[in-house]
Amino acid sequence: MPQDPMRQAYEAAFGKDEMLDGIPCKDWASYIGPASPAYLSTYCRMQLAHSKISMSFSALLFGPFYFFYRKAWKPAFGFLAAELPTFIEMLQLSGSALAPAMSASALTVFARVCSVLSFVLMLVRGMYGKWLYRKSAADRIRKIRSEFPDEAQRKAVLAAQGGVSFAAVF
């Protein structure tokens, strides 16, 4: 009996042991939560194509907030810090007392540089957002696996520390 083509692609990407980055897919599913089929499908395509690029419109549109929502702390704070020049530009343009004093010509140049930087960051987040989330999640899952050898306890901890958080966005 011929095998399902989707199953063949899944096995080609994750192997017979169903491992991704040395982590069983069931642990990935526990950590990611209800969205795990979509993420594992994307990771399957990335694995087969040997690519780090996978378009994430959520990361593209919502910026660092996407990573806070997915509890990917390192990329979240990294992209937030990278947006600091844009924040300073907004303070300047609004005439805030907190803004550093700059001449009009320096402000114009700074505004253009910030616009280009923001656009590049937006593209990087959109193209590499899922890969960055995957790396962050893999690190957390490995740490949890080393601390909790009992499968039932590990599954509970993965579900608690993974998933999404609206509170982290705020």
Protein backbone atom coordinates (compact mmCIF):
# COMPACT_ATOMS: atom_id res chain seq x y z
CA MET A 1 0.00 0.00 0.00
CA PRO A 2 1.55 3.35 -1.02
CA GLN A 3 2.38 5.73 1.78
CA ASP A 4 0.85 9.19 2.12
CA PRO A 5 3.11 11.79 0.38
CA MET A 6 2.82 14.16 3.36
CA ARG A 7 3.96 11.39 5.67
CA GLN A 8 6.92 10.66 3.38
CA ALA A 9 7.97 14.34 3.45
CA TYR A 10 7.55 14.39 7.24
CA GLU A 11 9.75 11.29 7.64
CA ALA A 12 12.31 12.71 5.21
CA ALA A 13 12.57 15.86 7.31
CA PHE A 14 12.34 14.39 10.82
CA GLY A 15 13.53 10.80 10.29
CA LYS A 16 11.98 7.60 11.60
CA ASP A 17 12.55 8.75 15.21
CA GLU A 18 10.60 11.96 14.52
CA MET A 19 13.29 14.27 15.86
CA LEU A 20 13.89 17.91 14.97
CA ASP A 21 17.15 19.49 16.14
CA GLY A 22 17.66 16.42 18.36
CA ILE A 23 14.30 16.95 20.09
CA PRO A 24 11.30 14.61 19.72
CA CYS A 25 8.42 16.18 17.78
CA LYS A 26 6.03 15.44 20.65
CA ASP A 27 8.10 17.75 22.88
CA TRP A 28 7.94 20.43 20.17
CA ALA A 29 4.17 20.01 20.04
CA SER A 30 3.88 20.30 23.82
CA TYR A 31 6.03 23.43 23.87
CA ILE A 32 4.47 25.23 20.88
CA GLY A 33 0.89 24.43 21.82
CA PRO A 34 -2.17 24.46 19.55
CA ALA A 35 -0.26 26.05 16.66
CA SER A 36 2.25 23.18 16.56
CA PRO A 37 0.92 21.55 13.34
CA ALA A 38 1.51 24.76 11.40
CA TYR A 39 4.94 25.37 12.93
CA LEU A 40 6.07 21.75 12.51
CA SER A 41 4.90 21.82 8.88
CA THR A 42 6.97 24.96 8.32
CA TYR A 43 9.96 23.43 10.10
CA CYS A 44 9.55 20.33 7.92
CA ARG A 45 9.79 22.48 4.77
CA MET A 46 12.75 24.38 6.18
CA GLN A 47 14.52 21.12 7.06
CA LEU A 48 13.93 19.60 3.60
CA ALA A 49 15.05 22.76 1.81
CA HIS A 50 18.03 23.27 4.19
CA SER A 51 16.87 26.86 4.61
CA LYS A 52 16.50 29.30 7.47
CA ILE A 53 14.04 31.44 5.52
CA SER A 54 10.31 31.08 6.03
CA MET A 55 7.99 34.05 5.76
CA SER A 56 6.29 35.06 9.00
CA PHE A 57 3.78 37.84 8.43
CA SER A 58 3.18 38.09 12.19
CA ALA A 59 6.86 38.82 12.84
CA LEU A 60 6.94 41.18 9.85
CA LEU A 61 3.94 43.22 10.97
CA PHE A 62 4.18 43.10 14.76
CA GLY A 63 7.94 43.24 15.17
CA PRO A 64 9.39 42.38 18.56
CA PHE A 65 5.87 41.87 19.93
CA TYR A 66 5.59 38.65 17.90
CA PHE A 67 8.60 37.25 19.78
CA PHE A 68 7.28 38.40 23.15
CA TYR A 69 3.96 36.71 22.33
CA ARG A 70 5.76 33.44 21.44
CA LYS A 71 8.02 33.76 24.55
CA ALA A 72 11.20 33.92 22.45
CA TRP A 73 12.99 36.30 24.79
CA LYS A 74 16.40 36.73 23.12
CA PRO A 75 15.07 37.73 19.69
CA ALA A 76 12.35 39.84 21.35
CA PHE A 77 14.78 41.95 23.35
CA GLY A 78 17.31 42.00 20.48
CA PHE A 79 14.80 43.43 18.01
CA LEU A 80 13.45 45.81 20.65
CA ALA A 81 16.97 47.17 21.24
CA ALA A 82 17.50 47.46 17.49
CA GLU A 83 14.42 49.72 17.32
CA LEU A 84 15.96 52.21 19.79
CA PRO A 85 17.16 54.62 17.06
CA THR A 86 13.62 54.77 15.67
CA PHE A 87 12.29 55.51 19.16
CA ILE A 88 14.80 58.34 19.54
CA GLU A 89 13.74 59.65 16.12
CA MET A 90 10.10 59.66 17.23
CA LEU A 91 11.06 61.60 20.37
CA GLN A 92 12.90 64.14 18.22
CA LEU A 93 10.06 64.58 15.76
CA SER A 94 7.46 64.96 18.50
CA GLY A 95 9.51 67.65 20.23
CA SER A 96 9.77 65.68 23.46
CA ALA A 97 11.92 67.07 26.26
CA LEU A 98 13.51 63.60 26.55
CA ALA A 99 14.96 63.79 23.03
CA PRO A 100 18.64 64.59 22.61
CA ALA A 101 19.33 67.97 20.99
CA MET A 102 20.17 67.69 17.28
CA SER A 103 20.47 70.18 14.47
CA ALA A 104 17.87 70.13 11.69
CA SER A 105 20.30 68.65 9.15
CA ALA A 106 21.49 65.96 11.56
CA LEU A 107 17.86 65.15 12.38
CA THR A 108 17.06 64.72 8.67
CA VAL A 109 19.97 62.34 8.15
CA PHE A 110 19.12 60.47 11.35
CA ALA A 111 15.48 60.11 10.25
CA ARG A 112 16.51 58.66 6.87
CA VAL A 113 18.94 56.21 8.46
CA CYS A 114 16.28 55.12 10.96
CA SER A 115 13.74 54.59 8.18
CA VAL A 116 16.13 52.36 6.26
CA LEU A 117 17.12 50.50 9.44
CA SER A 118 13.46 49.94 10.36
CA PHE A 119 12.69 48.58 6.91
CA VAL A 120 15.67 46.21 6.97
CA LEU A 121 14.75 44.99 10.46
CA MET A 122 11.17 44.41 9.31
CA LEU A 123 12.39 42.27 6.39
CA VAL A 124 14.79 40.29 8.58
CA ARG A 125 12.05 39.62 11.15
CA GLY A 126 9.64 38.54 8.44
CA MET A 127 12.09 36.24 6.67
CA TYR A 128 13.85 34.74 9.69
CA GLY A 129 11.19 35.07 12.42
CA LYS A 130 10.18 31.41 12.43
CA TRP A 131 13.79 30.28 12.37
CA LEU A 132 14.64 32.56 15.31
CA TYR A 133 11.63 31.23 17.21
CA ARG A 134 12.75 27.67 16.39
CA LYS A 135 16.25 28.33 17.78
CA SER A 136 14.87 29.95 20.91
CA ALA A 137 12.35 27.15 21.47
CA ALA A 138 14.98 24.44 20.87
CA ASP A 139 17.24 25.95 23.53
CA ARG A 140 14.38 26.10 26.05
CA ILE A 141 13.17 22.58 25.26
CA ARG A 142 16.68 21.13 25.63
CA LYS A 143 17.04 22.83 29.01
CA ILE A 144 13.66 21.50 30.16
CA ARG A 145 14.50 17.99 28.88
CA SER A 146 17.72 17.98 30.91
CA GLU A 147 15.97 19.17 34.08
CA PHE A 148 12.85 16.97 33.86
CA PRO A 149 13.58 13.38 32.79
CA ASP A 150 10.07 12.19 33.74
CA GLU A 151 7.91 12.40 30.60
CA ALA A 152 4.63 13.43 32.27
CA GLN A 153 6.30 16.14 34.33
CA ARG A 154 8.32 17.33 31.33
CA LYS A 155 5.17 17.62 29.20
CA ALA A 156 3.50 19.78 31.85
CA VAL A 157 6.56 22.05 32.16
CA LEU A 158 6.87 22.34 28.36
CA ALA A 159 3.22 23.38 28.11
CA ALA A 160 3.60 25.90 30.95
CA GLN A 161 6.81 27.51 29.72
CA GLY A 162 5.93 27.35 26.03
CA GLY A 163 2.86 28.43 24.14
CA VAL A 164 1.92 32.07 23.92
CA SER A 165 1.54 34.96 26.33
CA PHE A 166 -0.58 38.06 25.82
CA ALA A 167 0.82 39.41 29.10
CA ALA A 168 4.37 39.33 27.73
CA VAL A 169 3.32 41.59 24.86
CA PHE A 170 2.28 44.28 27.34
